[in-house]
Amino acid sequence: MSFFELFLLAVGLSMDAFAVSICEGLSMKKLDVKRAGILALAFGGFQAGMPLIGYLLGKNFQKYITSVDHWIAFVLLAIIGFNMIKEALEKEEEEKKEKKFGIKYVLVLAVATSIDALAVGITFAFLQVQIVSAILLIGVTTFVLSFIGVKIGNVFGVRYKAKAELLGGVILIVIGLKILLEHLGILG
């Protein structure tokens, strides 16, 4: 995978965290930089850690599924992408009241927004990916976008949540399709 493809993947993966960060920003009467930093650090850390776990799991099973690895990568990315698009199109009412903010709350959000990164990490085991560079890029991208998301949510409101999730879903599907088409020899 090229740097540009990894960057697009990082942006796509970070869209759930970005969307949740916007919601967190909405719930703040006044921007709390410390809270935004903690949230961004948790999201970035989990988004970096989950692909590493997935990569290690994938490497252990690689010899059993090498002949279908491109299909696995495509299916996983497509499922994640379509799920993000579905969530983006569903109408949810957002609470505008101040939410309880604690370590348990932040960890639950961080895990929930990074589960898809675990599946992407599995696909990394079958691709030519420098795992350290990939997880650093994913983590830093998620950190930055999450911090920005809190600020956007605090200033502009919830109108960008669905668009962010929709864009992230489309990016993941396109990357999955590209992997499949390259492996099948349709793309060079």
N, C-alpha and C. Protein backbone atom coordinates (compact mmCIF):
# COMPACT_ATOMS: atom_id res chain seq x y z
N MET A 1 0.84 -1.18 0.00
CA MET A 1 0.00 0.00 0.00
C MET A 1 0.88 1.24 0.00
N SER A 2 0.48 2.21 -0.78
CA SER A 2 1.23 3.46 -0.84
C SER A 2 0.89 4.32 0.39
N PHE A 3 1.71 5.34 0.61
CA PHE A 3 1.45 6.26 1.71
C PHE A 3 0.08 6.91 1.56
N PHE A 4 -0.25 7.32 0.34
CA PHE A 4 -1.53 7.97 0.09
C PHE A 4 -2.69 7.04 0.42
N GLU A 5 -2.59 5.77 0.02
CA GLU A 5 -3.64 4.80 0.34
C GLU A 5 -3.75 4.59 1.84
N LEU A 6 -2.61 4.50 2.51
CA LEU A 6 -2.64 4.37 3.98
C LEU A 6 -3.26 5.60 4.63
N PHE A 7 -2.94 6.77 4.11
CA PHE A 7 -3.52 7.99 4.66
C PHE A 7 -5.03 8.00 4.47
N LEU A 8 -5.51 7.63 3.28
CA LEU A 8 -6.96 7.56 3.05
C LEU A 8 -7.61 6.54 3.98
N LEU A 9 -6.93 5.42 4.18
CA LEU A 9 -7.43 4.40 5.10
C LEU A 9 -7.49 4.96 6.52
N ALA A 10 -6.46 5.68 6.93
CA ALA A 10 -6.43 6.29 8.26
C ALA A 10 -7.58 7.27 8.43
N VAL A 11 -7.82 8.08 7.42
CA VAL A 11 -8.93 9.04 7.47
C VAL A 11 -10.25 8.28 7.55
N GLY A 12 -10.41 7.26 6.72
CA GLY A 12 -11.64 6.47 6.75
C GLY A 12 -11.89 5.83 8.11
N LEU A 13 -10.85 5.25 8.69
CA LEU A 13 -11.00 4.62 10.00
C LEU A 13 -11.30 5.64 11.09
N SER A 14 -10.79 6.84 10.96
CA SER A 14 -10.95 7.84 12.01
C SER A 14 -12.31 8.52 11.98
N MET A 15 -13.13 8.26 10.96
CA MET A 15 -14.40 8.96 10.84
C MET A 15 -15.38 8.65 11.96
N ASP A 16 -15.39 7.41 12.46
CA ASP A 16 -16.25 7.11 13.61
C ASP A 16 -15.83 7.95 14.81
N ALA A 17 -14.52 7.96 15.08
CA ALA A 17 -14.02 8.74 16.21
C ALA A 17 -14.27 10.23 15.99
N PHE A 18 -14.12 10.69 14.76
CA PHE A 18 -14.39 12.08 14.42
C PHE A 18 -15.85 12.42 14.70
N ALA A 19 -16.76 11.55 14.26
CA ALA A 19 -18.18 11.78 14.47
C ALA A 19 -18.54 11.81 15.96
N VAL A 20 -17.99 10.87 16.72
CA VAL A 20 -18.24 10.85 18.17
C VAL A 20 -17.64 12.10 18.82
N SER A 21 -16.49 12.52 18.34
CA SER A 21 -15.86 13.74 18.87
C SER A 21 -16.73 14.96 18.63
N ILE A 22 -17.35 15.02 17.46
CA ILE A 22 -18.27 16.13 17.19
C ILE A 22 -19.40 16.12 18.21
N CYS A 23 -19.93 14.95 18.48
CA CYS A 23 -21.01 14.83 19.47
C CYS A 23 -20.54 15.25 20.86
N GLU A 24 -19.32 14.86 21.20
CA GLU A 24 -18.77 15.28 22.49
C GLU A 24 -18.63 16.79 22.55
N GLY A 25 -18.18 17.38 21.47
CA GLY A 25 -18.08 18.84 21.41
C GLY A 25 -19.44 19.50 21.56
N LEU A 26 -20.46 18.88 21.01
CA LEU A 26 -21.83 19.39 21.15
C LEU A 26 -22.27 19.43 22.61
N SER A 27 -21.83 18.43 23.35
CA SER A 27 -22.28 18.32 24.74
C SER A 27 -21.55 19.28 25.68
N MET A 28 -20.53 19.96 25.19
CA MET A 28 -19.79 20.91 26.02
C MET A 28 -20.38 22.31 25.87
N LYS A 29 -20.71 22.88 27.01
CA LYS A 29 -21.21 24.25 26.96
C LYS A 29 -20.09 25.20 26.52
N LYS A 30 -18.88 24.90 26.99
CA LYS A 30 -17.69 25.67 26.61
C LYS A 30 -16.61 24.65 26.27
N LEU A 31 -15.81 24.93 25.24
CA LEU A 31 -14.77 23.98 24.82
C LEU A 31 -13.81 23.70 25.98
N ASP A 32 -13.65 22.42 26.30
CA ASP A 32 -12.74 21.97 27.34
C ASP A 32 -11.55 21.30 26.64
N VAL A 33 -10.44 22.02 26.53
CA VAL A 33 -9.27 21.54 25.79
C VAL A 33 -8.69 20.27 26.42
N LYS A 34 -8.69 20.20 27.74
CA LYS A 34 -8.15 19.00 28.41
C LYS A 34 -9.01 17.78 28.07
N ARG A 35 -10.30 17.94 28.13
CA ARG A 35 -11.22 16.85 27.81
C ARG A 35 -11.07 16.45 26.34
N ALA A 36 -10.94 17.42 25.45
CA ALA A 36 -10.75 17.14 24.03
C ALA A 36 -9.45 16.38 23.81
N GLY A 37 -8.40 16.75 24.52
CA GLY A 37 -7.10 16.08 24.40
C GLY A 37 -7.15 14.64 24.90
N ILE A 38 -7.83 14.43 26.02
CA ILE A 38 -7.96 13.07 26.57
C ILE A 38 -8.73 12.18 25.59
N LEU A 39 -9.82 12.71 25.08
CA LEU A 39 -10.63 11.96 24.13
C LEU A 39 -9.83 11.64 22.87
N ALA A 40 -9.13 12.62 22.33
CA ALA A 40 -8.34 12.43 21.11
C ALA A 40 -7.22 11.42 21.35
N LEU A 41 -6.58 11.49 22.50
CA LEU A 41 -5.50 10.55 22.83
C LEU A 41 -6.04 9.12 22.95
N ALA A 42 -7.18 8.96 23.60
CA ALA A 42 -7.78 7.63 23.73
C ALA A 42 -8.18 7.08 22.36
N PHE A 43 -8.83 7.91 21.56
CA PHE A 43 -9.26 7.46 20.23
C PHE A 43 -8.05 7.12 19.36
N GLY A 44 -7.06 7.99 19.34
CA GLY A 44 -5.86 7.75 18.55
C GLY A 44 -5.11 6.51 19.01
N GLY A 45 -5.00 6.34 20.32
CA GLY A 45 -4.31 5.17 20.87
C GLY A 45 -4.98 3.86 20.51
N PHE A 46 -6.30 3.82 20.66
CA PHE A 46 -7.02 2.60 20.32
C PHE A 46 -7.04 2.35 18.82
N GLN A 47 -7.16 3.43 18.03
CA GLN A 47 -7.14 3.26 16.58
C GLN A 47 -5.78 2.76 16.10
N ALA A 48 -4.73 3.04 16.83
CA ALA A 48 -3.39 2.53 16.49
C ALA A 48 -3.20 1.11 17.03
N GLY A 49 -3.71 0.84 18.20
CA GLY A 49 -3.52 -0.47 18.84
C GLY A 49 -4.31 -1.59 18.21
N MET A 50 -5.53 -1.31 17.83
CA MET A 50 -6.40 -2.36 17.27
C MET A 50 -5.85 -2.94 15.95
N PRO A 51 -5.35 -2.12 15.01
CA PRO A 51 -4.79 -2.74 13.80
C PRO A 51 -3.57 -3.61 14.10
N LEU A 52 -2.81 -3.22 15.11
CA LEU A 52 -1.65 -4.03 15.49
C LEU A 52 -2.11 -5.40 16.00
N ILE A 53 -3.12 -5.41 16.83
CA ILE A 53 -3.67 -6.67 17.34
C ILE A 53 -4.20 -7.51 16.17
N GLY A 54 -4.96 -6.87 15.28
CA GLY A 54 -5.49 -7.58 14.11
C GLY A 54 -4.39 -8.12 13.22
N TYR A 55 -3.34 -7.32 13.03
CA TYR A 55 -2.19 -7.73 12.22
C TYR A 55 -1.53 -8.97 12.82
N LEU A 56 -1.31 -8.96 14.12
CA LEU A 56 -0.68 -10.11 14.78
C LEU A 56 -1.55 -11.36 14.68
N LEU A 57 -2.85 -11.19 14.84
CA LEU A 57 -3.78 -12.32 14.68
C LEU A 57 -3.75 -12.84 13.24
N GLY A 58 -3.79 -11.92 12.29
CA GLY A 58 -3.78 -12.29 10.88
C GLY A 58 -2.50 -13.02 10.47
N LYS A 59 -1.36 -12.57 10.99
CA LYS A 59 -0.09 -13.23 10.67
C LYS A 59 -0.07 -14.67 11.15
N ASN A 60 -0.71 -14.94 12.29
CA ASN A 60 -0.73 -16.30 12.82
C ASN A 60 -1.55 -17.25 11.94
N PHE A 61 -2.53 -16.71 11.21
CA PHE A 61 -3.40 -17.55 10.39
C PHE A 61 -3.14 -17.39 8.90
N GLN A 62 -2.11 -16.63 8.55
CA GLN A 62 -1.84 -16.29 7.15
C GLN A 62 -1.65 -17.52 6.26
N LYS A 63 -0.91 -18.50 6.74
CA LYS A 63 -0.62 -19.66 5.89
C LYS A 63 -1.88 -20.45 5.52
N TYR A 64 -2.94 -20.30 6.31
CA TYR A 64 -4.17 -21.03 6.04
C TYR A 64 -5.08 -20.33 5.04
N ILE A 65 -4.90 -19.02 4.90
CA ILE A 65 -5.87 -18.28 4.08
C ILE A 65 -5.24 -17.39 3.01
N THR A 66 -4.00 -17.63 2.66
CA THR A 66 -3.31 -16.80 1.67
C THR A 66 -4.03 -16.81 0.32
N SER A 67 -4.63 -17.92 -0.06
CA SER A 67 -5.28 -17.99 -1.37
C SER A 67 -6.55 -17.16 -1.46
N VAL A 68 -7.10 -16.77 -0.33
CA VAL A 68 -8.34 -15.96 -0.34
C VAL A 68 -8.16 -14.64 0.40
N ASP A 69 -6.92 -14.25 0.67
CA ASP A 69 -6.69 -13.05 1.47
C ASP A 69 -7.28 -11.78 0.86
N HIS A 70 -7.23 -11.67 -0.47
CA HIS A 70 -7.78 -10.48 -1.13
C HIS A 70 -9.29 -10.40 -0.93
N TRP A 71 -9.95 -11.55 -0.94
CA TRP A 71 -11.39 -11.56 -0.71
C TRP A 71 -11.69 -11.19 0.75
N ILE A 72 -10.88 -11.68 1.67
CA ILE A 72 -11.07 -11.34 3.09
C ILE A 72 -10.91 -9.84 3.28
N ALA A 73 -9.87 -9.27 2.71
CA ALA A 73 -9.64 -7.83 2.83
C ALA A 73 -10.82 -7.05 2.24
N PHE A 74 -11.26 -7.45 1.06
CA PHE A 74 -12.38 -6.77 0.42
C PHE A 74 -13.65 -6.88 1.26
N VAL A 75 -13.99 -8.09 1.69
CA VAL A 75 -15.23 -8.30 2.45
C VAL A 75 -15.21 -7.53 3.77
N LEU A 76 -14.09 -7.61 4.50
CA LEU A 76 -14.01 -6.89 5.78
C LEU A 76 -14.14 -5.38 5.58
N LEU A 77 -13.40 -4.83 4.63
CA LEU A 77 -13.47 -3.38 4.39
C LEU A 77 -14.84 -2.97 3.88
N ALA A 78 -15.45 -3.80 3.03
CA ALA A 78 -16.78 -3.48 2.51
C ALA A 78 -17.83 -3.51 3.64
N ILE A 79 -17.76 -4.52 4.49
CA ILE A 79 -18.71 -4.61 5.60
C ILE A 79 -18.57 -3.40 6.52
N ILE A 80 -17.34 -3.06 6.87
CA ILE A 80 -17.10 -1.90 7.72
C ILE A 80 -17.61 -0.64 7.04
N GLY A 81 -17.28 -0.48 5.77
CA GLY A 81 -17.69 0.70 5.02
C GLY A 81 -19.20 0.82 4.91
N PHE A 82 -19.87 -0.28 4.52
CA PHE A 82 -21.33 -0.24 4.41
C PHE A 82 -22.00 0.02 5.76
N ASN A 83 -21.42 -0.52 6.82
CA ASN A 83 -21.96 -0.27 8.15
C ASN A 83 -21.84 1.22 8.51
N MET A 84 -20.70 1.82 8.17
CA MET A 84 -20.53 3.25 8.44
C MET A 84 -21.53 4.08 7.62
N ILE A 85 -21.74 3.70 6.37
CA ILE A 85 -22.70 4.41 5.53
C ILE A 85 -24.11 4.26 6.10
N LYS A 86 -24.46 3.04 6.51
CA LYS A 86 -25.78 2.80 7.10
C LYS A 86 -25.99 3.67 8.34
N GLU A 87 -24.99 3.71 9.21
CA GLU A 87 -25.09 4.53 10.41
C GLU A 87 -25.22 6.01 10.06
N ALA A 88 -24.53 6.43 9.01
CA ALA A 88 -24.59 7.84 8.59
C ALA A 88 -25.97 8.21 8.08
N LEU A 89 -26.64 7.26 7.46
CA LEU A 89 -27.95 7.55 6.88
C LEU A 89 -29.09 7.41 7.88
N GLU A 90 -28.84 6.74 9.00
CA GLU A 90 -29.86 6.62 10.03
C GLU A 90 -29.97 7.93 10.79
N LYS A 91 -31.17 8.29 11.12
CA LYS A 91 -31.39 9.53 11.88
C LYS A 91 -31.40 9.18 13.36
N GLU A 92 -30.49 9.83 14.08
CA GLU A 92 -30.44 9.65 15.53
C GLU A 92 -30.54 11.01 16.19
N GLU A 93 -31.31 11.07 17.26
CA GLU A 93 -31.35 12.32 18.00
C GLU A 93 -30.14 12.38 18.91
N GLU A 94 -29.47 13.50 18.87
CA GLU A 94 -28.29 13.70 19.70
C GLU A 94 -28.68 14.48 20.94
N GLU A 95 -28.19 14.03 22.05
CA GLU A 95 -28.44 14.75 23.29
C GLU A 95 -27.52 15.94 23.37
N LYS A 96 -28.08 17.08 23.77
CA LYS A 96 -27.28 18.29 23.85
C LYS A 96 -26.93 18.63 25.30
N LYS A 97 -27.27 17.75 26.23
CA LYS A 97 -26.94 18.03 27.62
C LYS A 97 -25.51 17.60 27.93
N GLU A 98 -24.97 18.12 28.98
CA GLU A 98 -23.60 17.78 29.39
C GLU A 98 -23.56 16.30 29.80
N LYS A 99 -22.66 15.54 29.20
CA LYS A 99 -22.54 14.10 29.48
C LYS A 99 -21.55 13.88 30.61
N LYS A 100 -21.73 12.73 31.29
CA LYS A 100 -20.77 12.33 32.31
C LYS A 100 -19.48 11.93 31.60
N PHE A 101 -18.36 12.45 32.06
CA PHE A 101 -17.08 12.21 31.41
C PHE A 101 -16.14 11.58 32.41
N GLY A 102 -15.75 10.34 32.17
CA GLY A 102 -14.82 9.64 33.05
C GLY A 102 -14.02 8.63 32.25
N ILE A 103 -13.07 7.98 32.89
CA ILE A 103 -12.18 7.04 32.22
C ILE A 103 -12.96 5.88 31.61
N LYS A 104 -13.94 5.36 32.33
CA LYS A 104 -14.72 4.24 31.83
C LYS A 104 -15.51 4.66 30.58
N TYR A 105 -16.09 5.83 30.62
CA TYR A 105 -16.86 6.37 29.50
C TYR A 105 -15.95 6.54 28.27
N VAL A 106 -14.77 7.11 28.47
CA VAL A 106 -13.82 7.34 27.37
C VAL A 106 -13.34 6.01 26.79
N LEU A 107 -13.04 5.04 27.63
CA LEU A 107 -12.58 3.73 27.15
C LEU A 107 -13.66 3.02 26.33
N VAL A 108 -14.91 3.09 26.78
CA VAL A 108 -15.99 2.47 26.02
C VAL A 108 -16.11 3.12 24.64
N LEU A 109 -16.05 4.44 24.59
CA LEU A 109 -16.10 5.14 23.30
C LEU A 109 -14.91 4.76 22.42
N ALA A 110 -13.72 4.71 23.02
CA ALA A 110 -12.51 4.40 22.26
C ALA A 110 -12.57 2.99 21.67
N VAL A 111 -13.02 2.03 22.44
CA VAL A 111 -13.14 0.66 21.94
C VAL A 111 -14.22 0.60 20.86
N ALA A 112 -15.36 1.21 21.12
CA ALA A 112 -16.47 1.16 20.16
C ALA A 112 -16.10 1.78 18.81
N THR A 113 -15.30 2.84 18.83
CA THR A 113 -14.94 3.50 17.57
C THR A 113 -13.74 2.85 16.89
N SER A 114 -13.12 1.87 17.52
CA SER A 114 -11.91 1.28 16.93
C SER A 114 -12.05 -0.20 16.58
N ILE A 115 -13.21 -0.77 16.76
CA ILE A 115 -13.40 -2.19 16.43
C ILE A 115 -13.12 -2.44 14.94
N ASP A 116 -13.55 -1.52 14.09
CA ASP A 116 -13.30 -1.69 12.66
C ASP A 116 -11.80 -1.69 12.34
N ALA A 117 -11.03 -0.99 13.14
CA ALA A 117 -9.57 -0.95 12.94
C ALA A 117 -8.95 -2.33 13.21
N LEU A 118 -9.55 -3.11 14.09
CA LEU A 118 -9.08 -4.47 14.35
C LEU A 118 -9.21 -5.31 13.07
N ALA A 119 -10.35 -5.21 12.41
CA ALA A 119 -10.57 -5.95 11.17
C ALA A 119 -9.61 -5.49 10.08
N VAL A 120 -9.36 -4.19 10.01
CA VAL A 120 -8.41 -3.67 9.02
C VAL A 120 -7.01 -4.21 9.31
N GLY A 121 -6.65 -4.32 10.57
CA GLY A 121 -5.36 -4.88 10.94
C GLY A 121 -5.19 -6.30 10.44
N ILE A 122 -6.26 -7.07 10.46
CA ILE A 122 -6.20 -8.43 9.92
C ILE A 122 -5.86 -8.38 8.44
N THR A 123 -6.46 -7.43 7.73
CA THR A 123 -6.17 -7.33 6.29
C THR A 123 -4.72 -6.91 6.05
N PHE A 124 -4.15 -6.14 6.97
CA PHE A 124 -2.75 -5.73 6.83
C PHE A 124 -1.80 -6.93 6.81
N ALA A 125 -2.19 -8.01 7.48
CA ALA A 125 -1.34 -9.20 7.54
C ALA A 125 -1.17 -9.82 6.16
N PHE A 126 -2.10 -9.55 5.25
CA PHE A 126 -2.06 -10.16 3.92
C PHE A 126 -1.55 -9.20 2.85
N LEU A 127 -1.29 -7.98 3.21
CA LEU A 127 -0.87 -6.96 2.25
C LEU A 127 0.57 -6.55 2.53
N GLN A 128 1.15 -5.84 1.61
CA GLN A 128 2.50 -5.31 1.79
C GLN A 128 2.39 -4.00 2.57
N VAL A 129 2.34 -4.10 3.89
CA VAL A 129 2.16 -2.93 4.73
C VAL A 129 3.26 -2.89 5.78
N GLN A 130 3.89 -1.74 5.91
CA GLN A 130 4.82 -1.52 7.02
C GLN A 130 3.96 -1.23 8.25
N ILE A 131 3.78 -2.21 9.12
CA ILE A 131 2.78 -2.11 10.18
C ILE A 131 3.06 -0.96 11.14
N VAL A 132 4.30 -0.71 11.49
CA VAL A 132 4.62 0.37 12.43
C VAL A 132 4.23 1.72 11.84
N SER A 133 4.61 1.94 10.59
CA SER A 133 4.24 3.20 9.92
C SER A 133 2.73 3.33 9.81
N ALA A 134 2.07 2.22 9.47
CA ALA A 134 0.62 2.24 9.29
C ALA A 134 -0.11 2.59 10.59
N ILE A 135 0.28 1.93 11.68
CA ILE A 135 -0.44 2.20 12.94
C ILE A 135 -0.12 3.59 13.48
N LEU A 136 1.10 4.07 13.25
CA LEU A 136 1.42 5.44 13.66
C LEU A 136 0.60 6.45 12.87
N LEU A 137 0.49 6.24 11.58
CA LEU A 137 -0.29 7.14 10.74
C LEU A 137 -1.77 7.11 11.14
N ILE A 138 -2.30 5.93 11.38
CA ILE A 138 -3.70 5.80 11.80
C ILE A 138 -3.91 6.49 13.15
N GLY A 139 -3.02 6.25 14.09
CA GLY A 139 -3.15 6.84 15.42
C GLY A 139 -3.07 8.36 15.40
N VAL A 140 -2.07 8.89 14.69
CA VAL A 140 -1.90 10.35 14.63
C VAL A 140 -3.06 11.01 13.89
N THR A 141 -3.47 10.41 12.78
CA THR A 141 -4.60 10.96 12.02
C THR A 141 -5.86 10.99 12.88
N THR A 142 -6.12 9.90 13.59
CA THR A 142 -7.30 9.84 14.44
C THR A 142 -7.21 10.86 15.58
N PHE A 143 -6.04 10.99 16.18
CA PHE A 143 -5.84 11.97 17.25
C PHE A 143 -6.19 13.38 16.75
N VAL A 144 -5.59 13.75 15.63
CA VAL A 144 -5.80 15.11 15.09
C VAL A 144 -7.26 15.34 14.73
N LEU A 145 -7.85 14.39 13.99
CA LEU A 145 -9.25 14.56 13.57
C LEU A 145 -10.21 14.54 14.75
N SER A 146 -9.91 13.76 15.77
CA SER A 146 -10.77 13.72 16.95
C SER A 146 -10.73 15.04 17.71
N PHE A 147 -9.54 15.60 17.84
CA PHE A 147 -9.41 16.89 18.52
C PHE A 147 -10.16 17.96 17.74
N ILE A 148 -9.97 17.96 16.43
CA ILE A 148 -10.67 18.92 15.57
C ILE A 148 -12.19 18.69 15.65
N GLY A 149 -12.60 17.42 15.71
CA GLY A 149 -14.02 17.08 15.80
C GLY A 149 -14.69 17.67 17.03
N VAL A 150 -14.00 17.62 18.17
CA VAL A 150 -14.56 18.21 19.40
C VAL A 150 -14.78 19.71 19.18
N LYS A 151 -13.79 20.35 18.59
CA LYS A 151 -13.90 21.80 18.34
C LYS A 151 -15.05 22.09 17.36
N ILE A 152 -15.13 21.34 16.28
CA ILE A 152 -16.21 21.53 15.31
C ILE A 152 -17.57 21.32 15.96
N GLY A 153 -17.69 20.25 16.73
CA GLY A 153 -18.95 19.97 17.42
C GLY A 153 -19.34 21.09 18.35
N ASN A 154 -18.35 21.61 19.05
CA ASN A 154 -18.61 22.70 19.99
C ASN A 154 -19.04 23.98 19.26
N VAL A 155 -18.49 24.21 18.09
CA VAL A 155 -18.78 25.45 17.36
C VAL A 155 -19.97 25.31 16.41
N PHE A 156 -20.02 24.23 15.64
CA PHE A 156 -20.99 24.16 14.55
C PHE A 156 -22.16 23.22 14.77
N GLY A 157 -22.03 22.22 15.59
CA GLY A 157 -23.15 21.32 15.83
C GLY A 157 -23.05 20.00 15.09
N VAL A 158 -24.14 19.27 15.12
CA VAL A 158 -24.17 17.87 14.69
C VAL A 158 -24.29 17.68 13.17
N ARG A 159 -24.44 18.73 12.40
CA ARG A 159 -24.72 18.58 10.97
C ARG A 159 -23.61 17.87 10.20
N TYR A 160 -22.39 17.75 10.74
CA TYR A 160 -21.29 17.11 10.02
C TYR A 160 -21.10 15.64 10.37
N LYS A 161 -21.79 15.15 11.40
CA LYS A 161 -21.59 13.77 11.85
C LYS A 161 -21.89 12.77 10.74
N ALA A 162 -23.06 12.85 10.16
CA ALA A 162 -23.45 11.88 9.14
C ALA A 162 -22.55 11.98 7.91
N LYS A 163 -22.16 13.17 7.52
CA LYS A 163 -21.29 13.34 6.36
C LYS A 163 -19.92 12.72 6.60
N ALA A 164 -19.40 12.85 7.82
CA ALA A 164 -18.10 12.27 8.15
C ALA A 164 -18.16 10.75 8.09
N GLU A 165 -19.21 10.16 8.66
CA GLU A 165 -19.34 8.70 8.63
C GLU A 165 -19.56 8.20 7.20
N LEU A 166 -20.34 8.92 6.43
CA LEU A 166 -20.59 8.55 5.05
C LEU A 166 -19.29 8.55 4.24
N LEU A 167 -18.51 9.60 4.38
CA LEU A 167 -17.23 9.69 3.68
C LEU A 167 -16.28 8.56 4.10
N GLY A 168 -16.21 8.30 5.38
CA GLY A 168 -15.35 7.22 5.88
C GLY A 168 -15.75 5.87 5.31
N GLY A 169 -17.05 5.60 5.25
CA GLY A 169 -17.54 4.34 4.69
C GLY A 169 -17.19 4.18 3.23
N VAL A 170 -17.38 5.25 2.46
CA VAL A 170 -17.07 5.21 1.03
C VAL A 170 -15.57 4.96 0.82
N ILE A 171 -14.73 5.64 1.60
CA ILE A 171 -13.28 5.45 1.46
C ILE A 171 -12.89 4.00 1.73
N LEU A 172 -13.43 3.39 2.78
CA LEU A 172 -13.08 2.00 3.10
C LEU A 172 -13.53 1.04 2.00
N ILE A 173 -14.72 1.26 1.45
CA ILE A 173 -15.22 0.39 0.38
C ILE A 173 -14.34 0.52 -0.86
N VAL A 174 -13.97 1.73 -1.22
CA VAL A 174 -13.13 1.95 -2.41
C VAL A 174 -11.76 1.28 -2.23
N ILE A 175 -11.17 1.39 -1.05
CA ILE A 175 -9.88 0.75 -0.81
C ILE A 175 -10.01 -0.77 -0.89
N GLY A 176 -11.08 -1.33 -0.30
CA GLY A 176 -11.31 -2.77 -0.38
C GLY A 176 -11.49 -3.24 -1.81
N LEU A 177 -12.25 -2.49 -2.60
CA LEU A 177 -12.46 -2.83 -4.00
C LEU A 177 -11.15 -2.76 -4.79
N LYS A 178 -10.34 -1.76 -4.50
CA LYS A 178 -9.04 -1.61 -5.18
C LYS A 178 -8.14 -2.82 -4.88
N ILE A 179 -8.11 -3.25 -3.61
CA ILE A 179 -7.30 -4.42 -3.23
C ILE A 179 -7.76 -5.65 -4.02
N LEU A 180 -9.06 -5.85 -4.08
CA LEU A 180 -9.62 -7.01 -4.79
C LEU A 180 -9.29 -6.95 -6.28
N LEU A 181 -9.54 -5.80 -6.90
CA LEU A 181 -9.30 -5.67 -8.34
C LEU A 181 -7.82 -5.79 -8.70
N GLU A 182 -6.94 -5.29 -7.85
CA GLU A 182 -5.50 -5.45 -8.09
C GLU A 182 -5.11 -6.92 -8.03
N HIS A 183 -5.61 -7.64 -7.03
CA HIS A 183 -5.25 -9.04 -6.88
C HIS A 183 -5.80 -9.90 -8.03
N LEU A 184 -6.96 -9.52 -8.53
CA LEU A 184 -7.56 -10.26 -9.64
C LEU A 184 -6.95 -9.87 -10.98
N GLY A 185 -6.03 -8.89 -10.97
CA GLY A 185 -5.35 -8.48 -12.19
C GLY A 185 -6.12 -7.48 -13.04
N ILE A 186 -7.22 -6.97 -12.52
CA ILE A 186 -8.03 -6.01 -13.28
C ILE A 186 -7.41 -4.62 -13.22
N LEU A 187 -6.83 -4.27 -12.08
CA LEU A 187 -6.07 -3.02 -11.94
C LEU A 187 -4.61 -3.36 -11.88
N GLY A 188 -3.78 -2.53 -12.48
CA GLY A 188 -2.34 -2.78 -12.51
C GLY A 188 -1.69 -2.18 -11.41
